[in-house]
Amino acid sequence: MIVRLARERDLPGFLGLAAQVEHWFGPMVDDPGFSDAVAEHIRDSKALLAVGPDTTPEPDPQPPLLGGLLFGSDAPTFHVHWLVVSRQARGQGVGAALMADAMKRYVTGPGTVEVVTFGADHPGAVESGARVFYERLCFTPAEATDPGPEGGSRQIYRLTVS
């Protein structure tokens, strides 16, 4: 697996990843605002992709996308705007690799890193493993925040960096 900056040609891949999680987040793929936000993160070099090795017999110009991350680096509070791991790659360290690269690339202390994830009562909280994932990375649950576009509860998770 390689984690790299996303390029403009990766936008369809990001939308493909988004399609896999719309049942938790609500419509994204056909939302021009979401596409615009991804494109802006790519232009600003704030979008990362995890790509897998090409296992096809023929050379493939686009290896499989395993996950993606959109980041905001406004010190001293940094934001994980969106993190997704493809269905087939979950539980294989892809999310941790994306987060490690983002922390190394974008975060300088002292400060905090925040991410909004599912509230404890949201069906995606357990199924996606998001809350446990962030807790394993030493993020701590903080205050509740506005519901997601699909109406489900959300909670901020925070990590202090020095």
N, C-alpha and C. Protein backbone atom coordinates (compact mmCIF):
# COMPACT_ATOMS: atom_id res chain seq x y z
N MET A 1 0.84 -1.17 0.00
CA MET A 1 0.00 0.00 0.00
C MET A 1 0.89 1.24 0.00
N ILE A 2 0.45 2.22 -0.76
CA ILE A 2 1.14 3.51 -0.83
C ILE A 2 0.13 4.59 -0.47
N VAL A 3 0.52 5.53 0.38
CA VAL A 3 -0.29 6.71 0.65
C VAL A 3 0.36 7.87 -0.10
N ARG A 4 -0.45 8.59 -0.87
CA ARG A 4 0.08 9.68 -1.68
C ARG A 4 -0.95 10.80 -1.76
N LEU A 5 -0.46 11.97 -2.19
CA LEU A 5 -1.38 13.07 -2.47
C LEU A 5 -2.29 12.69 -3.62
N ALA A 6 -3.53 13.09 -3.51
CA ALA A 6 -4.49 12.86 -4.60
C ALA A 6 -4.22 13.86 -5.72
N ARG A 7 -4.59 13.43 -6.94
CA ARG A 7 -4.46 14.27 -8.13
C ARG A 7 -5.85 14.48 -8.72
N GLU A 8 -5.96 15.44 -9.60
CA GLU A 8 -7.27 15.75 -10.19
C GLU A 8 -7.93 14.52 -10.80
N ARG A 9 -7.14 13.68 -11.43
CA ARG A 9 -7.72 12.49 -12.08
C ARG A 9 -8.26 11.48 -11.07
N ASP A 10 -7.98 11.69 -9.77
CA ASP A 10 -8.46 10.79 -8.72
C ASP A 10 -9.88 11.11 -8.25
N LEU A 11 -10.45 12.22 -8.71
CA LEU A 11 -11.79 12.62 -8.24
C LEU A 11 -12.82 11.51 -8.44
N PRO A 12 -12.89 10.85 -9.60
CA PRO A 12 -13.88 9.76 -9.75
C PRO A 12 -13.65 8.64 -8.73
N GLY A 13 -12.39 8.36 -8.38
CA GLY A 13 -12.10 7.34 -7.37
C GLY A 13 -12.62 7.74 -6.00
N PHE A 14 -12.45 9.02 -5.65
CA PHE A 14 -13.00 9.51 -4.38
C PHE A 14 -14.51 9.34 -4.36
N LEU A 15 -15.15 9.66 -5.49
CA LEU A 15 -16.61 9.52 -5.54
C LEU A 15 -17.02 8.05 -5.44
N GLY A 16 -16.20 7.16 -5.99
CA GLY A 16 -16.47 5.73 -5.84
C GLY A 16 -16.38 5.29 -4.39
N LEU A 17 -15.41 5.81 -3.66
CA LEU A 17 -15.30 5.52 -2.23
C LEU A 17 -16.52 6.08 -1.49
N ALA A 18 -16.92 7.29 -1.85
CA ALA A 18 -18.09 7.91 -1.21
C ALA A 18 -19.34 7.08 -1.42
N ALA A 19 -19.49 6.50 -2.60
CA ALA A 19 -20.68 5.68 -2.90
C ALA A 19 -20.80 4.51 -1.94
N GLN A 20 -19.67 4.02 -1.44
CA GLN A 20 -19.69 2.87 -0.54
C GLN A 20 -20.19 3.21 0.86
N VAL A 21 -20.23 4.50 1.21
CA VAL A 21 -20.63 4.88 2.57
C VAL A 21 -21.83 5.82 2.60
N GLU A 22 -22.49 6.00 1.47
CA GLU A 22 -23.65 6.90 1.45
C GLU A 22 -24.77 6.43 2.37
N HIS A 23 -24.86 5.14 2.61
CA HIS A 23 -25.91 4.65 3.51
C HIS A 23 -25.70 5.14 4.94
N TRP A 24 -24.48 5.56 5.29
CA TRP A 24 -24.21 6.12 6.61
C TRP A 24 -24.24 7.64 6.62
N PHE A 25 -23.82 8.27 5.53
CA PHE A 25 -23.64 9.71 5.49
C PHE A 25 -24.71 10.47 4.72
N GLY A 26 -25.49 9.76 3.94
CA GLY A 26 -26.43 10.43 3.06
C GLY A 26 -25.79 10.64 1.69
N PRO A 27 -26.55 11.16 0.75
CA PRO A 27 -26.06 11.33 -0.62
C PRO A 27 -24.84 12.24 -0.70
N MET A 28 -23.83 11.77 -1.40
CA MET A 28 -22.62 12.56 -1.63
C MET A 28 -22.24 12.57 -3.10
N VAL A 29 -22.31 11.43 -3.75
CA VAL A 29 -21.79 11.27 -5.10
C VAL A 29 -22.44 12.26 -6.06
N ASP A 30 -23.74 12.45 -5.96
CA ASP A 30 -24.45 13.36 -6.86
C ASP A 30 -24.57 14.77 -6.30
N ASP A 31 -23.94 15.04 -5.17
CA ASP A 31 -23.99 16.35 -4.54
C ASP A 31 -22.83 17.20 -5.08
N PRO A 32 -23.12 18.23 -5.86
CA PRO A 32 -22.04 19.06 -6.41
C PRO A 32 -21.17 19.68 -5.32
N GLY A 33 -21.76 19.97 -4.17
CA GLY A 33 -20.98 20.54 -3.06
C GLY A 33 -19.91 19.60 -2.58
N PHE A 34 -20.23 18.30 -2.52
CA PHE A 34 -19.25 17.31 -2.09
C PHE A 34 -18.13 17.20 -3.13
N SER A 35 -18.51 17.08 -4.39
CA SER A 35 -17.50 17.00 -5.46
C SER A 35 -16.59 18.23 -5.45
N ASP A 36 -17.20 19.40 -5.27
CA ASP A 36 -16.42 20.64 -5.23
C ASP A 36 -15.45 20.64 -4.04
N ALA A 37 -15.92 20.15 -2.89
CA ALA A 37 -15.05 20.11 -1.70
C ALA A 37 -13.87 19.16 -1.92
N VAL A 38 -14.13 18.01 -2.52
CA VAL A 38 -13.04 17.07 -2.80
C VAL A 38 -12.06 17.71 -3.78
N ALA A 39 -12.57 18.31 -4.84
CA ALA A 39 -11.70 18.95 -5.84
C ALA A 39 -10.87 20.06 -5.20
N GLU A 40 -11.47 20.84 -4.30
CA GLU A 40 -10.72 21.90 -3.62
C GLU A 40 -9.61 21.33 -2.74
N HIS A 41 -9.91 20.28 -1.99
CA HIS A 41 -8.89 19.62 -1.17
C HIS A 41 -7.74 19.10 -2.04
N ILE A 42 -8.09 18.55 -3.20
CA ILE A 42 -7.06 18.05 -4.12
C ILE A 42 -6.19 19.21 -4.60
N ARG A 43 -6.81 20.28 -5.05
CA ARG A 43 -6.05 21.46 -5.52
C ARG A 43 -5.14 22.02 -4.43
N ASP A 44 -5.62 21.99 -3.18
CA ASP A 44 -4.86 22.55 -2.06
C ASP A 44 -3.86 21.55 -1.46
N SER A 45 -3.70 20.39 -2.09
CA SER A 45 -2.82 19.32 -1.59
C SER A 45 -3.20 18.90 -0.17
N LYS A 46 -4.50 18.80 0.08
CA LYS A 46 -5.02 18.39 1.38
C LYS A 46 -5.88 17.13 1.25
N ALA A 47 -5.65 16.37 0.18
CA ALA A 47 -6.37 15.12 -0.04
C ALA A 47 -5.35 14.01 -0.23
N LEU A 48 -5.51 12.95 0.54
CA LEU A 48 -4.61 11.80 0.46
C LEU A 48 -5.38 10.58 -0.01
N LEU A 49 -4.67 9.70 -0.70
CA LEU A 49 -5.23 8.42 -1.13
C LEU A 49 -4.31 7.30 -0.71
N ALA A 50 -4.90 6.19 -0.33
CA ALA A 50 -4.16 4.95 -0.13
C ALA A 50 -4.47 4.08 -1.34
N VAL A 51 -3.43 3.66 -2.02
CA VAL A 51 -3.61 2.82 -3.21
C VAL A 51 -2.91 1.49 -2.99
N GLY A 52 -3.52 0.46 -3.54
CA GLY A 52 -2.97 -0.87 -3.41
C GLY A 52 -2.12 -1.23 -4.61
N PRO A 53 -1.45 -2.33 -4.52
CA PRO A 53 -0.65 -2.77 -5.66
C PRO A 53 -1.56 -3.22 -6.79
N ASP A 54 -1.10 -3.02 -7.99
CA ASP A 54 -1.84 -3.47 -9.16
C ASP A 54 -1.62 -4.98 -9.29
N THR A 55 -2.70 -5.75 -9.16
CA THR A 55 -2.58 -7.21 -9.21
C THR A 55 -3.12 -7.79 -10.52
N THR A 56 -3.45 -6.92 -11.47
CA THR A 56 -3.95 -7.42 -12.76
C THR A 56 -2.78 -7.84 -13.63
N PRO A 57 -2.97 -8.82 -14.53
CA PRO A 57 -1.88 -9.24 -15.41
C PRO A 57 -1.41 -8.13 -16.34
N GLU A 58 -2.33 -7.29 -16.78
CA GLU A 58 -1.99 -6.17 -17.65
C GLU A 58 -1.68 -4.95 -16.78
N PRO A 59 -0.74 -4.12 -17.20
CA PRO A 59 -0.49 -2.89 -16.42
C PRO A 59 -1.74 -2.03 -16.34
N ASP A 60 -2.09 -1.62 -15.15
CA ASP A 60 -3.27 -0.80 -14.91
C ASP A 60 -2.80 0.59 -14.52
N PRO A 61 -3.20 1.61 -15.29
CA PRO A 61 -2.74 2.96 -14.97
C PRO A 61 -3.31 3.49 -13.65
N GLN A 62 -4.34 2.86 -13.12
CA GLN A 62 -4.95 3.32 -11.87
C GLN A 62 -5.07 2.14 -10.91
N PRO A 63 -4.10 2.00 -9.96
CA PRO A 63 -4.21 0.91 -9.00
C PRO A 63 -5.45 1.08 -8.14
N PRO A 64 -5.90 0.03 -7.49
CA PRO A 64 -7.13 0.11 -6.70
C PRO A 64 -7.00 1.12 -5.55
N LEU A 65 -8.06 1.91 -5.39
CA LEU A 65 -8.10 2.88 -4.29
C LEU A 65 -8.60 2.17 -3.04
N LEU A 66 -7.80 2.22 -1.99
CA LEU A 66 -8.15 1.55 -0.74
C LEU A 66 -8.81 2.49 0.25
N GLY A 67 -8.51 3.78 0.15
CA GLY A 67 -9.09 4.74 1.07
C GLY A 67 -8.69 6.15 0.70
N GLY A 68 -9.37 7.10 1.31
CA GLY A 68 -9.08 8.50 1.06
C GLY A 68 -9.31 9.34 2.30
N LEU A 69 -8.64 10.48 2.34
CA LEU A 69 -8.73 11.38 3.49
C LEU A 69 -8.68 12.82 3.00
N LEU A 70 -9.54 13.66 3.54
CA LEU A 70 -9.53 15.09 3.28
C LEU A 70 -9.16 15.77 4.60
N PHE A 71 -8.20 16.68 4.55
CA PHE A 71 -7.65 17.25 5.79
C PHE A 71 -7.67 18.77 5.73
N GLY A 72 -7.79 19.39 6.89
CA GLY A 72 -7.70 20.83 7.02
C GLY A 72 -6.63 21.17 8.04
N SER A 73 -5.66 21.95 7.64
CA SER A 73 -4.56 22.23 8.56
C SER A 73 -4.52 23.72 8.90
N ASP A 74 -5.40 24.10 9.78
CA ASP A 74 -5.45 25.47 10.27
C ASP A 74 -5.00 25.49 11.72
N ALA A 75 -3.67 25.52 11.92
CA ALA A 75 -3.11 25.48 13.27
C ALA A 75 -3.73 26.59 14.12
N PRO A 76 -3.96 26.33 15.38
CA PRO A 76 -3.57 25.15 16.15
C PRO A 76 -4.63 24.05 16.19
N THR A 77 -5.76 24.24 15.46
CA THR A 77 -6.78 23.20 15.42
C THR A 77 -6.83 22.63 14.01
N PHE A 78 -6.51 21.36 13.90
CA PHE A 78 -6.48 20.66 12.62
C PHE A 78 -7.74 19.81 12.52
N HIS A 79 -8.19 19.56 11.29
CA HIS A 79 -9.44 18.84 11.11
C HIS A 79 -9.32 17.71 10.09
N VAL A 80 -9.76 16.55 10.47
CA VAL A 80 -9.97 15.46 9.52
C VAL A 80 -11.37 15.73 8.98
N HIS A 81 -11.45 16.19 7.73
CA HIS A 81 -12.75 16.53 7.16
C HIS A 81 -13.52 15.31 6.69
N TRP A 82 -12.79 14.28 6.26
CA TRP A 82 -13.46 13.07 5.76
C TRP A 82 -12.42 11.97 5.64
N LEU A 83 -12.77 10.81 6.10
CA LEU A 83 -11.89 9.63 5.99
C LEU A 83 -12.77 8.45 5.63
N VAL A 84 -12.36 7.72 4.59
CA VAL A 84 -13.11 6.55 4.17
C VAL A 84 -12.13 5.46 3.75
N VAL A 85 -12.49 4.24 4.07
CA VAL A 85 -11.72 3.07 3.64
C VAL A 85 -12.67 2.19 2.84
N SER A 86 -12.20 1.70 1.72
CA SER A 86 -13.06 0.87 0.86
C SER A 86 -13.51 -0.36 1.62
N ARG A 87 -14.66 -0.83 1.23
CA ARG A 87 -15.28 -1.99 1.88
C ARG A 87 -14.31 -3.16 1.99
N GLN A 88 -13.61 -3.47 0.89
CA GLN A 88 -12.74 -4.65 0.88
C GLN A 88 -11.44 -4.45 1.66
N ALA A 89 -11.10 -3.21 2.01
CA ALA A 89 -9.82 -2.95 2.69
C ALA A 89 -9.98 -2.64 4.17
N ARG A 90 -11.21 -2.61 4.69
CA ARG A 90 -11.41 -2.28 6.11
C ARG A 90 -10.75 -3.32 7.00
N GLY A 91 -10.17 -2.83 8.09
CA GLY A 91 -9.51 -3.71 9.05
C GLY A 91 -8.11 -4.13 8.66
N GLN A 92 -7.55 -3.50 7.62
CA GLN A 92 -6.21 -3.88 7.14
C GLN A 92 -5.17 -2.79 7.34
N GLY A 93 -5.48 -1.78 8.15
CA GLY A 93 -4.51 -0.74 8.45
C GLY A 93 -4.52 0.44 7.49
N VAL A 94 -5.46 0.49 6.57
CA VAL A 94 -5.51 1.57 5.59
C VAL A 94 -5.82 2.91 6.27
N GLY A 95 -6.83 2.93 7.13
CA GLY A 95 -7.19 4.17 7.82
C GLY A 95 -6.04 4.67 8.69
N ALA A 96 -5.39 3.76 9.39
CA ALA A 96 -4.26 4.14 10.24
C ALA A 96 -3.12 4.70 9.40
N ALA A 97 -2.88 4.12 8.22
CA ALA A 97 -1.82 4.62 7.35
C ALA A 97 -2.15 6.02 6.83
N LEU A 98 -3.41 6.24 6.46
CA LEU A 98 -3.82 7.56 6.01
C LEU A 98 -3.66 8.59 7.14
N MET A 99 -4.09 8.22 8.34
CA MET A 99 -3.97 9.15 9.46
C MET A 99 -2.51 9.43 9.80
N ALA A 100 -1.67 8.40 9.78
CA ALA A 100 -0.25 8.60 10.09
C ALA A 100 0.39 9.55 9.08
N ASP A 101 0.08 9.39 7.81
CA ASP A 101 0.63 10.27 6.79
C ASP A 101 0.12 11.70 6.99
N ALA A 102 -1.17 11.85 7.25
CA ALA A 102 -1.74 13.19 7.47
C ALA A 102 -1.11 13.87 8.68
N MET A 103 -0.92 13.13 9.75
CA MET A 103 -0.32 13.70 10.96
C MET A 103 1.11 14.16 10.67
N LYS A 104 1.84 13.37 9.96
CA LYS A 104 3.24 13.70 9.63
C LYS A 104 3.30 14.88 8.65
N ARG A 105 2.42 14.87 7.69
CA ARG A 105 2.44 15.85 6.61
C ARG A 105 1.89 17.22 7.03
N TYR A 106 0.84 17.23 7.86
CA TYR A 106 0.09 18.47 8.08
C TYR A 106 0.12 19.02 9.51
N VAL A 107 0.40 18.19 10.50
CA VAL A 107 0.19 18.60 11.89
C VAL A 107 1.50 19.02 12.55
N THR A 108 1.47 20.20 13.14
CA THR A 108 2.56 20.66 13.98
C THR A 108 1.95 21.09 15.31
N GLY A 109 2.63 20.73 16.40
CA GLY A 109 2.11 21.07 17.72
C GLY A 109 2.66 22.39 18.19
N PRO A 110 2.16 22.85 19.28
CA PRO A 110 1.04 22.28 20.02
C PRO A 110 -0.29 22.61 19.35
N GLY A 111 -1.24 21.76 19.58
CA GLY A 111 -2.56 21.97 19.02
C GLY A 111 -3.46 20.78 19.25
N THR A 112 -4.54 20.73 18.49
CA THR A 112 -5.46 19.60 18.57
C THR A 112 -5.86 19.19 17.16
N VAL A 113 -6.18 17.93 17.03
CA VAL A 113 -6.75 17.39 15.79
C VAL A 113 -8.16 16.97 16.13
N GLU A 114 -9.11 17.43 15.33
CA GLU A 114 -10.51 17.10 15.57
C GLU A 114 -11.10 16.37 14.38
N VAL A 115 -12.01 15.48 14.67
CA VAL A 115 -12.77 14.80 13.64
C VAL A 115 -14.20 14.65 14.15
N VAL A 116 -15.14 14.83 13.25
CA VAL A 116 -16.54 14.59 13.57
C VAL A 116 -16.87 13.20 13.06
N THR A 117 -17.35 12.36 13.97
CA THR A 117 -17.72 11.01 13.58
C THR A 117 -19.11 10.71 14.10
N PHE A 118 -19.54 9.48 13.94
CA PHE A 118 -20.89 9.08 14.33
C PHE A 118 -21.07 9.19 15.83
N GLY A 119 -22.27 9.61 16.24
CA GLY A 119 -22.65 9.53 17.64
C GLY A 119 -22.80 8.07 18.03
N ALA A 120 -22.76 7.81 19.32
CA ALA A 120 -22.81 6.42 19.81
C ALA A 120 -24.09 5.69 19.38
N ASP A 121 -25.19 6.42 19.17
CA ASP A 121 -26.45 5.77 18.81
C ASP A 121 -26.65 5.62 17.30
N HIS A 122 -25.71 6.09 16.50
CA HIS A 122 -25.83 6.01 15.04
C HIS A 122 -25.51 4.59 14.58
N PRO A 123 -26.29 4.02 13.66
CA PRO A 123 -26.02 2.65 13.19
C PRO A 123 -24.60 2.48 12.62
N GLY A 124 -24.06 3.52 12.02
CA GLY A 124 -22.71 3.45 11.46
C GLY A 124 -21.62 3.43 12.51
N ALA A 125 -21.95 3.79 13.76
CA ALA A 125 -20.93 3.86 14.81
C ALA A 125 -20.26 2.50 15.03
N VAL A 126 -21.08 1.46 15.06
CA VAL A 126 -20.53 0.12 15.28
C VAL A 126 -20.13 -0.52 13.96
N GLU A 127 -21.04 -0.46 12.98
CA GLU A 127 -20.80 -1.13 11.70
C GLU A 127 -19.53 -0.63 11.02
N SER A 128 -19.29 0.68 11.06
CA SER A 128 -18.11 1.23 10.39
C SER A 128 -16.85 1.06 11.23
N GLY A 129 -17.01 0.95 12.53
CA GLY A 129 -15.86 0.86 13.42
C GLY A 129 -15.17 2.20 13.64
N ALA A 130 -15.79 3.30 13.20
CA ALA A 130 -15.15 4.61 13.25
C ALA A 130 -14.78 5.04 14.67
N ARG A 131 -15.68 4.91 15.61
CA ARG A 131 -15.40 5.38 16.97
C ARG A 131 -14.25 4.59 17.58
N VAL A 132 -14.27 3.29 17.43
CA VAL A 132 -13.18 2.45 17.97
C VAL A 132 -11.87 2.79 17.26
N PHE A 133 -11.93 3.02 15.96
CA PHE A 133 -10.76 3.39 15.18
C PHE A 133 -10.10 4.63 15.77
N TYR A 134 -10.86 5.69 15.98
CA TYR A 134 -10.28 6.93 16.50
C TYR A 134 -9.79 6.75 17.94
N GLU A 135 -10.50 5.99 18.72
CA GLU A 135 -10.05 5.74 20.09
C GLU A 135 -8.72 4.99 20.11
N ARG A 136 -8.52 4.07 19.18
CA ARG A 136 -7.23 3.36 19.08
C ARG A 136 -6.09 4.31 18.70
N LEU A 137 -6.42 5.41 18.04
CA LEU A 137 -5.43 6.41 17.67
C LEU A 137 -5.28 7.47 18.77
N CYS A 138 -5.87 7.22 19.93
CA CYS A 138 -5.78 8.08 21.12
C CYS A 138 -6.64 9.33 21.04
N PHE A 139 -7.60 9.38 20.12
CA PHE A 139 -8.59 10.45 20.14
C PHE A 139 -9.55 10.17 21.28
N THR A 140 -10.10 11.22 21.88
CA THR A 140 -11.07 11.04 22.95
C THR A 140 -12.40 11.67 22.53
N PRO A 141 -13.50 11.04 22.94
CA PRO A 141 -14.81 11.60 22.62
C PRO A 141 -14.97 12.95 23.31
N ALA A 142 -15.55 13.90 22.58
CA ALA A 142 -15.80 15.22 23.14
C ALA A 142 -17.30 15.52 22.98
N GLU A 143 -17.62 16.76 22.73
CA GLU A 143 -19.02 17.17 22.70
C GLU A 143 -19.74 16.67 21.44
N ALA A 144 -21.05 16.57 21.59
CA ALA A 144 -21.90 16.27 20.44
C ALA A 144 -21.90 17.48 19.53
N THR A 145 -22.20 17.25 18.25
CA THR A 145 -22.28 18.36 17.30
C THR A 145 -23.50 18.15 16.42
N ASP A 146 -23.66 19.01 15.44
CA ASP A 146 -24.85 18.97 14.59
C ASP A 146 -25.00 17.60 13.92
N PRO A 147 -26.24 17.18 13.71
CA PRO A 147 -26.48 15.90 13.01
C PRO A 147 -25.92 15.94 11.61
N GLY A 148 -25.67 14.75 11.06
CA GLY A 148 -25.21 14.63 9.69
C GLY A 148 -26.32 14.92 8.71
N PRO A 149 -26.00 14.99 7.42
CA PRO A 149 -27.01 15.32 6.42
C PRO A 149 -28.15 14.30 6.33
N GLU A 150 -27.87 13.08 6.78
CA GLU A 150 -28.92 12.06 6.78
C GLU A 150 -29.74 12.10 8.06
N GLY A 151 -29.38 13.01 8.99
CA GLY A 151 -30.13 13.17 10.24
C GLY A 151 -29.55 12.41 11.42
N GLY A 152 -28.50 11.62 11.21
CA GLY A 152 -27.93 10.83 12.31
C GLY A 152 -27.04 11.67 13.22
N SER A 153 -26.90 11.20 14.45
CA SER A 153 -26.11 11.93 15.44
C SER A 153 -24.63 11.93 15.09
N ARG A 154 -23.94 12.98 15.54
CA ARG A 154 -22.51 13.15 15.32
C ARG A 154 -21.84 13.58 16.63
N GLN A 155 -20.57 13.25 16.75
CA GLN A 155 -19.79 13.61 17.93
C GLN A 155 -18.38 13.98 17.49
N ILE A 156 -17.82 14.98 18.16
CA ILE A 156 -16.44 15.37 17.89
C ILE A 156 -15.51 14.45 18.68
N TYR A 157 -14.45 14.02 18.04
CA TYR A 157 -13.35 13.31 18.70
C TYR A 157 -12.13 14.21 18.59
N ARG A 158 -11.33 14.25 19.64
CA ARG A 158 -10.22 15.20 19.70
C ARG A 158 -8.94 14.53 20.16
N LEU A 159 -7.83 14.95 19.56
CA LEU A 159 -6.51 14.48 19.92
C LEU A 159 -5.63 15.68 20.19
N THR A 160 -4.99 15.71 21.35
CA THR A 160 -4.06 16.79 21.67
C THR A 160 -2.67 16.40 21.17
N VAL A 161 -2.01 17.34 20.48
CA VAL A 161 -0.65 17.10 19.98
C VAL A 161 0.28 18.16 20.58
N SER A 162 1.47 17.71 20.89
CA SER A 162 2.43 18.66 21.50
C SER A 162 3.58 18.95 20.57
